[in-house]
């Protein structure tokens, strides 16, 4: 199953990113963040911090057996 959700990252989103990586690693699904033709592994803090810019429109995408639960849980970090 594939599940997607869009959101924005705050300018001071470093704490959100750390929490996102920690939470993403709790799931078996393949989880990525997509923005402006970039795809970043959601389970890697280095990837996220190197490629994402605050206030960009970001899509969270998960593929796997627990994809729906992963997206539902992770999107709460940005609300």
PDB file of N, CA and C in Angstrom:
ATOM      1  N   UNK A   1       0.838  -1.172   0.000  1.00  0.00           N
ATOM      2  CA  UNK A   1       0.000   0.000   0.000  1.00  0.00           C
ATOM      3  C   UNK A   1       0.886   1.239   0.000  1.00  0.00           C
ATOM      4  N   UNK A   2       0.463   2.258  -0.735  1.00  0.00           N
ATOM      5  CA  UNK A   2       1.174   3.533  -0.767  1.00  0.00           C
ATOM      6  C   UNK A   2       0.260   4.601  -0.203  1.00  0.00           C
ATOM      7  N   UNK A   3       0.801   5.449   0.683  1.00  0.00           N
ATOM      8  CA  UNK A   3       0.029   6.512   1.316  1.00  0.00           C
ATOM      9  C   UNK A   3       0.841   7.795   1.242  1.00  0.00           C
ATOM     10  N   UNK A   4       0.161   8.941   0.950  1.00  0.00           N
ATOM     11  CA  UNK A   4       0.842  10.233   0.853  1.00  0.00           C
ATOM     12  C   UNK A   4       0.113  11.275   1.686  1.00  0.00           C
ATOM     13  N   UNK A   5       0.867  12.274   2.166  1.00  0.00           N
ATOM     14  CA  UNK A   5       0.309  13.407   2.896  1.00  0.00           C
ATOM     15  C   UNK A   5       1.247  14.590   2.688  1.00  0.00           C
ATOM     16  N   UNK A   6       0.702  15.801   2.470  1.00  0.00           N
ATOM     17  CA  UNK A   6       1.526  16.995   2.253  1.00  0.00           C
ATOM     18  C   UNK A   6       1.469  17.926   3.453  1.00  0.00           C
ATOM     19  N   UNK A   7       2.566  18.702   3.658  1.00  0.00           N
ATOM     20  CA  UNK A   7       2.660  19.642   4.771  1.00  0.00           C
ATOM     21  C   UNK A   7       3.837  20.575   4.545  1.00  0.00           C
ATOM     22  N   UNK A   8       4.034  21.533   5.453  1.00  0.00           N
ATOM     23  CA  UNK A   8       5.174  22.459   5.425  1.00  0.00           C
ATOM     24  C   UNK A   8       6.019  22.239   6.673  1.00  0.00           C
ATOM     25  N   UNK A   9       7.306  22.548   6.564  1.00  0.00           N
ATOM     26  CA  UNK A   9       8.210  22.474   7.710  1.00  0.00           C
ATOM     27  C   UNK A   9       8.467  23.890   8.200  1.00  0.00           C
ATOM     28  N   UNK A  10       8.415  24.103   9.510  1.00  0.00           N
ATOM     29  CA  UNK A  10       8.706  25.408  10.099  1.00  0.00           C
ATOM     30  C   UNK A  10      10.172  25.767   9.895  1.00  0.00           C
ATOM     31  N   UNK A  11      10.477  27.049   9.987  1.00  0.00           N
ATOM     32  CA  UNK A  11      11.871  27.491   9.865  1.00  0.00           C
ATOM     33  C   UNK A  11      12.733  26.919  10.977  1.00  0.00           C
ATOM     34  N   UNK A  12      12.166  26.750  12.131  1.00  0.00           N
ATOM     35  CA  UNK A  12      12.891  26.162  13.256  1.00  0.00           C
ATOM     36  C   UNK A  12      12.505  24.697  13.398  1.00  0.00           C
ATOM     37  N   UNK A  13      12.531  23.994  12.303  1.00  0.00           N
ATOM     38  CA  UNK A  13      12.038  22.626  12.266  1.00  0.00           C
ATOM     39  C   UNK A  13      13.046  21.555  12.613  1.00  0.00           C
ATOM     40  N   UNK A  14      14.201  21.920  13.165  1.00  0.00           N
ATOM     41  CA  UNK A  14      15.220  20.903  13.457  1.00  0.00           C
ATOM     42  C   UNK A  14      14.720  19.872  14.459  1.00  0.00           C
ATOM     43  N   UNK A  15      13.960  20.313  15.453  1.00  0.00           N
ATOM     44  CA  UNK A  15      13.408  19.360  16.425  1.00  0.00           C
ATOM     45  C   UNK A  15      12.387  18.446  15.749  1.00  0.00           C
ATOM     46  N   UNK A  16      11.606  19.018  14.835  1.00  0.00           N
ATOM     47  CA  UNK A  16      10.644  18.207  14.085  1.00  0.00           C
ATOM     48  C   UNK A  16      11.363  17.137  13.271  1.00  0.00           C
ATOM     49  N   UNK A  17      12.465  17.504  12.661  1.00  0.00           N
ATOM     50  CA  UNK A  17      13.205  16.555  11.821  1.00  0.00           C
ATOM     51  C   UNK A  17      13.801  15.415  12.649  1.00  0.00           C
ATOM     52  N   UNK A  18      14.341  15.741  13.812  1.00  0.00           N
ATOM     53  CA  UNK A  18      14.894  14.704  14.697  1.00  0.00           C
ATOM     54  C   UNK A  18      13.789  13.756  15.134  1.00  0.00           C
ATOM     55  N   UNK A  19      12.659  14.311  15.547  1.00  0.00           N
ATOM     56  CA  UNK A  19      11.523  13.480  15.949  1.00  0.00           C
ATOM     57  C   UNK A  19      11.001  12.649  14.786  1.00  0.00           C
ATOM     58  N   UNK A  20      10.978  13.242  13.595  1.00  0.00           N
ATOM     59  CA  UNK A  20      10.511  12.532  12.407  1.00  0.00           C
ATOM     60  C   UNK A  20      11.372  11.302  12.133  1.00  0.00           C
ATOM     61  N   UNK A  21      12.679  11.461  12.165  1.00  0.00           N
ATOM     62  CA  UNK A  21      13.590  10.343  11.900  1.00  0.00           C
ATOM     63  C   UNK A  21      13.433   9.259  12.960  1.00  0.00           C
ATOM     64  N   UNK A  22      13.353   9.669  14.221  1.00  0.00           N
ATOM     65  CA  UNK A  22      13.186   8.689  15.303  1.00  0.00           C
ATOM     66  C   UNK A  22      11.891   7.907  15.135  1.00  0.00           C
ATOM     67  N   UNK A  23      10.810   8.604  14.830  1.00  0.00           N
ATOM     68  CA  UNK A  23       9.517   7.941  14.665  1.00  0.00           C
ATOM     69  C   UNK A  23       9.492   7.079  13.400  1.00  0.00           C
ATOM     70  N   UNK A  24      10.065   7.577  12.313  1.00  0.00           N
ATOM     71  CA  UNK A  24      10.059   6.837  11.045  1.00  0.00           C
ATOM     72  C   UNK A  24      10.769   5.498  11.183  1.00  0.00           C
ATOM     73  N   UNK A  25      11.803   5.462  11.980  1.00  0.00           N
ATOM     74  CA  UNK A  25      12.558   4.225  12.157  1.00  0.00           C
ATOM     75  C   UNK A  25      11.803   3.169  12.956  1.00  0.00           C
ATOM     76  N   UNK A  26      10.636   3.508  13.471  1.00  0.00           N
ATOM     77  CA  UNK A  26       9.803   2.545  14.189  1.00  0.00           C
ATOM     78  C   UNK A  26       8.949   1.710  13.233  1.00  0.00           C
ATOM     79  N   UNK A  27       8.929   2.095  11.957  1.00  0.00           N
ATOM     80  CA  UNK A  27       8.076   1.430  10.974  1.00  0.00           C
ATOM     81  C   UNK A  27       8.904   0.627   9.981  1.00  0.00           C
ATOM     82  N   UNK A  28       8.300  -0.420   9.441  1.00  0.00           N
ATOM     83  CA  UNK A  28       8.954  -1.266   8.451  1.00  0.00           C
ATOM     84  C   UNK A  28       8.854  -0.680   7.040  1.00  0.00           C
ATOM     85  N   UNK A  29       7.874   0.167   6.796  1.00  0.00           N
ATOM     86  CA  UNK A  29       7.649   0.729   5.463  1.00  0.00           C
ATOM     87  C   UNK A  29       8.833   1.557   4.985  1.00  0.00           C
ATOM     88  N   UNK A  30       8.935   1.657   3.658  1.00  0.00           N
ATOM     89  CA  UNK A  30       9.885   2.563   3.024  1.00  0.00           C
ATOM     90  C   UNK A  30       9.237   3.938   3.086  1.00  0.00           C
ATOM     91  N   UNK A  31       9.888   4.912   3.718  1.00  0.00           N
ATOM     92  CA  UNK A  31       9.297   6.225   3.947  1.00  0.00           C
ATOM     93  C   UNK A  31      10.230   7.294   3.389  1.00  0.00           C
ATOM     94  N   UNK A  32       9.667   8.185   2.561  1.00  0.00           N
ATOM     95  CA  UNK A  32      10.456   9.267   1.977  1.00  0.00           C
ATOM     96  C   UNK A  32       9.713  10.590   2.103  1.00  0.00           C
ATOM     97  N   UNK A  33      10.475  11.675   1.991  1.00  0.00           N
ATOM     98  CA  UNK A  33       9.928  13.011   1.848  1.00  0.00           C
ATOM     99  C   UNK A  33      10.249  13.458   0.433  1.00  0.00           C
ATOM    100  N   UNK A  34       9.271  14.040  -0.249  1.00  0.00           N
ATOM    101  CA  UNK A  34       9.458  14.508  -1.621  1.00  0.00           C
ATOM    102  C   UNK A  34       9.173  16.000  -1.692  1.00  0.00           C
ATOM    103  N   UNK A  35      10.033  16.730  -2.413  1.00  0.00           N
ATOM    104  CA  UNK A  35       9.828  18.146  -2.641  1.00  0.00           C
ATOM    105  C   UNK A  35      10.651  18.602  -3.837  1.00  0.00           C
ATOM    106  N   UNK A  36      10.076  19.412  -4.684  1.00  0.00           N
ATOM    107  CA  UNK A  36      10.800  20.002  -5.815  1.00  0.00           C
ATOM    108  C   UNK A  36      11.783  19.044  -6.484  1.00  0.00           C
ATOM    109  N   UNK A  37      11.307  17.925  -6.900  1.00  0.00           N
ATOM    110  CA  UNK A  37      12.115  16.927  -7.608  1.00  0.00           C
ATOM    111  C   UNK A  37      13.195  16.277  -6.752  1.00  0.00           C
ATOM    112  N   UNK A  38      13.113  16.408  -5.444  1.00  0.00           N
ATOM    113  CA  UNK A  38      14.043  15.740  -4.536  1.00  0.00           C
ATOM    114  C   UNK A  38      13.287  14.664  -3.773  1.00  0.00           C
ATOM    115  N   UNK A  39      13.919  13.538  -3.578  1.00  0.00           N
ATOM    116  CA  UNK A  39      13.359  12.460  -2.769  1.00  0.00           C
ATOM    117  C   UNK A  39      14.389  12.136  -1.700  1.00  0.00           C
ATOM    118  N   UNK A  40      13.962  12.191  -0.431  1.00  0.00           N
ATOM    119  CA  UNK A  40      14.871  12.032   0.693  1.00  0.00           C
ATOM    120  C   UNK A  40      14.393  10.903   1.601  1.00  0.00           C
ATOM    121  N   UNK A  41      15.306  10.037   1.990  1.00  0.00           N
ATOM    122  CA  UNK A  41      15.001   8.948   2.917  1.00  0.00           C
ATOM    123  C   UNK A  41      14.605   9.537   4.266  1.00  0.00           C
ATOM    124  N   UNK A  42      13.414   9.238   4.701  1.00  0.00           N
ATOM    125  CA  UNK A  42      12.881   9.796   5.942  1.00  0.00           C
ATOM    126  C   UNK A  42      13.529   9.196   7.185  1.00  0.00           C
ATOM    127  N   UNK A  43      14.256   8.128   7.024  1.00  0.00           N
ATOM    128  CA  UNK A  43      14.884   7.462   8.162  1.00  0.00           C
ATOM    129  C   UNK A  43      16.334   7.898   8.353  1.00  0.00           C
ATOM    130  N   UNK A  44      16.775   8.893   7.583  1.00  0.00           N
ATOM    131  CA  UNK A  44      18.151   9.372   7.655  1.00  0.00           C
ATOM    132  C   UNK A  44      18.186  10.864   7.961  1.00  0.00           C
ATOM    133  N   UNK A  45      18.650  11.236   9.138  1.00  0.00           N
ATOM    134  CA  UNK A  45      18.727  12.642   9.528  1.00  0.00           C
ATOM    135  C   UNK A  45      19.685  13.405   8.618  1.00  0.00           C
ATOM    136  N   UNK A  46      20.759  12.775   8.214  1.00  0.00           N
ATOM    137  CA  UNK A  46      21.720  13.436   7.320  1.00  0.00           C
ATOM    138  C   UNK A  46      21.053  13.788   5.994  1.00  0.00           C
ATOM    139  N   UNK A  47      20.308  12.865   5.434  1.00  0.00           N
ATOM    140  CA  UNK A  47      19.618  13.127   4.165  1.00  0.00           C
ATOM    141  C   UNK A  47      18.624  14.263   4.303  1.00  0.00           C
ATOM    142  N   UNK A  48      17.842  14.223   5.349  1.00  0.00           N
ATOM    143  CA  UNK A  48      16.815  15.244   5.554  1.00  0.00           C
ATOM    144  C   UNK A  48      17.440  16.614   5.761  1.00  0.00           C
ATOM    145  N   UNK A  49      18.429  16.717   6.623  1.00  0.00           N
ATOM    146  CA  UNK A  49      19.021  18.020   6.924  1.00  0.00           C
ATOM    147  C   UNK A  49      19.807  18.583   5.744  1.00  0.00           C
ATOM    148  N   UNK A  50      20.335  17.734   4.888  1.00  0.00           N
ATOM    149  CA  UNK A  50      21.121  18.204   3.747  1.00  0.00           C
ATOM    150  C   UNK A  50      20.261  18.684   2.582  1.00  0.00           C
ATOM    151  N   UNK A  51      19.067  18.163   2.433  1.00  0.00           N
ATOM    152  CA  UNK A  51      18.304  18.431   1.226  1.00  0.00           C
ATOM    153  C   UNK A  51      17.011  19.202   1.406  1.00  0.00           C
ATOM    154  N   UNK A  52      16.495  19.304   2.600  1.00  0.00           N
ATOM    155  CA  UNK A  52      15.212  19.974   2.778  1.00  0.00           C
ATOM    156  C   UNK A  52      15.384  21.411   3.238  1.00  0.00           C
ATOM    157  N   UNK A  53      14.530  22.277   2.721  1.00  0.00           N
ATOM    158  CA  UNK A  53      14.543  23.687   3.069  1.00  0.00           C
ATOM    159  C   UNK A  53      13.239  23.996   3.796  1.00  0.00           C
ATOM    160  N   UNK A  54      13.314  24.672   4.958  1.00  0.00           N
ATOM    161  CA  UNK A  54      12.084  25.019   5.676  1.00  0.00           C
ATOM    162  C   UNK A  54      11.120  25.804   4.794  1.00  0.00           C
ATOM    163  N   UNK A  55       9.867  25.622   5.027  1.00  0.00           N
ATOM    164  CA  UNK A  55       8.727  26.263   4.371  1.00  0.00           C
ATOM    165  C   UNK A  55       8.451  25.741   2.963  1.00  0.00           C
ATOM    166  N   UNK A  56       9.199  24.748   2.490  1.00  0.00           N
ATOM    167  CA  UNK A  56       8.849  24.106   1.227  1.00  0.00           C
ATOM    168  C   UNK A  56       7.622  23.226   1.443  1.00  0.00           C
ATOM    169  N   UNK A  57       6.841  23.053   0.384  1.00  0.00           N
ATOM    170  CA  UNK A  57       5.737  22.105   0.447  1.00  0.00           C
ATOM    171  C   UNK A  57       6.330  20.705   0.318  1.00  0.00           C
ATOM    172  N   UNK A  58       6.089  19.871   1.294  1.00  0.00           N
ATOM    173  CA  UNK A  58       6.705  18.554   1.361  1.00  0.00           C
ATOM    174  C   UNK A  58       5.629  17.485   1.359  1.00  0.00           C
ATOM    175  N   UNK A  59       5.892  16.406   0.641  1.00  0.00           N
ATOM    176  CA  UNK A  59       4.991  15.263   0.632  1.00  0.00           C
ATOM    177  C   UNK A  59       5.662  14.103   1.337  1.00  0.00           C
ATOM    178  N   UNK A  60       4.983  13.563   2.316  1.00  0.00           N
ATOM    179  CA  UNK A  60       5.430  12.377   3.037  1.00  0.00           C
ATOM    180  C   UNK A  60       4.814  11.177   2.342  1.00  0.00           C
ATOM    181  N   UNK A  61       5.636  10.226   1.966  1.00  0.00           N
ATOM    182  CA  UNK A  61       5.159   9.062   1.221  1.00  0.00           C
ATOM    183  C   UNK A  61       5.702   7.799   1.878  1.00  0.00           C
ATOM    184  N   UNK A  62       4.834   6.826   2.090  1.00  0.00           N
ATOM    185  CA  UNK A  62       5.241   5.551   2.682  1.00  0.00           C
ATOM    186  C   UNK A  62       4.685   4.407   1.850  1.00  0.00           C
ATOM    187  N   UNK A  63       5.504   3.375   1.688  1.00  0.00           N
ATOM    188  CA  UNK A  63       5.101   2.186   0.949  1.00  0.00           C
ATOM    189  C   UNK A  63       5.433   0.974   1.802  1.00  0.00           C
ATOM    190  N   UNK A  64       4.418   0.162   2.084  1.00  0.00           N
ATOM    191  CA  UNK A  64       4.636  -1.042   2.875  1.00  0.00           C
ATOM    192  C   UNK A  64       3.396  -1.433   3.645  1.00  0.00           C
ATOM    193  N   UNK A  65       3.521  -2.496   4.404  1.00  0.00           N
ATOM    194  CA  UNK A  65       2.377  -3.018   5.152  1.00  0.00           C
ATOM    195  C   UNK A  65       1.862  -2.050   6.211  1.00  0.00           C
ATOM    196  N   UNK A  66       2.750  -1.264   6.816  1.00  0.00           N
ATOM    197  CA  UNK A  66       2.326  -0.330   7.859  1.00  0.00           C
ATOM    198  C   UNK A  66       2.370   1.124   7.374  1.00  0.00           C
ATOM    199  N   UNK A  67       2.229   1.331   6.061  1.00  0.00           N
ATOM    200  CA  UNK A  67       2.331   2.665   5.464  1.00  0.00           C
ATOM    201  C   UNK A  67       1.278   3.631   5.994  1.00  0.00           C
ATOM    202  N   UNK A  68       0.043   3.184   6.094  1.00  0.00           N
ATOM    203  CA  UNK A  68      -1.025   4.076   6.567  1.00  0.00           C
ATOM    204  C   UNK A  68      -0.756   4.523   7.995  1.00  0.00           C
ATOM    205  N   UNK A  69      -0.388   3.594   8.843  1.00  0.00           N
ATOM    206  CA  UNK A  69      -0.069   3.924  10.235  1.00  0.00           C
ATOM    207  C   UNK A  69       1.141   4.857  10.302  1.00  0.00           C
ATOM    208  N   UNK A  70       2.136   4.618   9.460  1.00  0.00           N
ATOM    209  CA  UNK A  70       3.340   5.451   9.450  1.00  0.00           C
ATOM    210  C   UNK A  70       3.007   6.891   9.079  1.00  0.00           C
ATOM    211  N   UNK A  71       2.269   7.087   8.000  1.00  0.00           N
ATOM    212  CA  UNK A  71       1.930   8.438   7.557  1.00  0.00           C
ATOM    213  C   UNK A  71       1.041   9.136   8.580  1.00  0.00           C
ATOM    214  N   UNK A  72       0.072   8.438   9.113  1.00  0.00           N
ATOM    215  CA  UNK A  72      -0.813   9.020  10.128  1.00  0.00           C
ATOM    216  C   UNK A  72      -0.018   9.479  11.343  1.00  0.00           C
ATOM    217  N   UNK A  73       0.895   8.656  11.805  1.00  0.00           N
ATOM    218  CA  UNK A  73       1.713   8.985  12.976  1.00  0.00           C
ATOM    219  C   UNK A  73       2.669  10.134  12.681  1.00  0.00           C
ATOM    220  N   UNK A  74       3.356  10.069  11.559  1.00  0.00           N
ATOM    221  CA  UNK A  74       4.378  11.062  11.243  1.00  0.00           C
ATOM    222  C   UNK A  74       3.797  12.425  10.904  1.00  0.00           C
ATOM    223  N   UNK A  75       2.635  12.474  10.272  1.00  0.00           N
ATOM    224  CA  UNK A  75       2.051  13.773   9.931  1.00  0.00           C
ATOM    225  C   UNK A  75       1.650  14.555  11.179  1.00  0.00           C
ATOM    226  N   UNK A  76       1.376  13.872  12.267  1.00  0.00           N
ATOM    227  CA  UNK A  76       1.019  14.549  13.525  1.00  0.00           C
ATOM    228  C   UNK A  76       2.161  15.413  14.050  1.00  0.00           C
ATOM    229  N   UNK A  77       3.383  15.093  13.678  1.00  0.00           N
ATOM    230  CA  UNK A  77       4.536  15.871  14.126  1.00  0.00           C
ATOM    231  C   UNK A  77       4.553  17.274  13.529  1.00  0.00           C
ATOM    232  N   UNK A  78       3.780  17.498  12.479  1.00  0.00           N
ATOM    233  CA  UNK A  78       3.803  18.777  11.773  1.00  0.00           C
ATOM    234  C   UNK A  78       2.515  19.569  11.916  1.00  0.00           C
ATOM    235  N   UNK A  79       1.654  19.161  12.819  1.00  0.00           N
ATOM    236  CA  UNK A  79       0.388  19.882  13.030  1.00  0.00           C
ATOM    237  C   UNK A  79       0.404  20.603  14.337  1.00  0.00           C
TER     238      UNK A  79
END
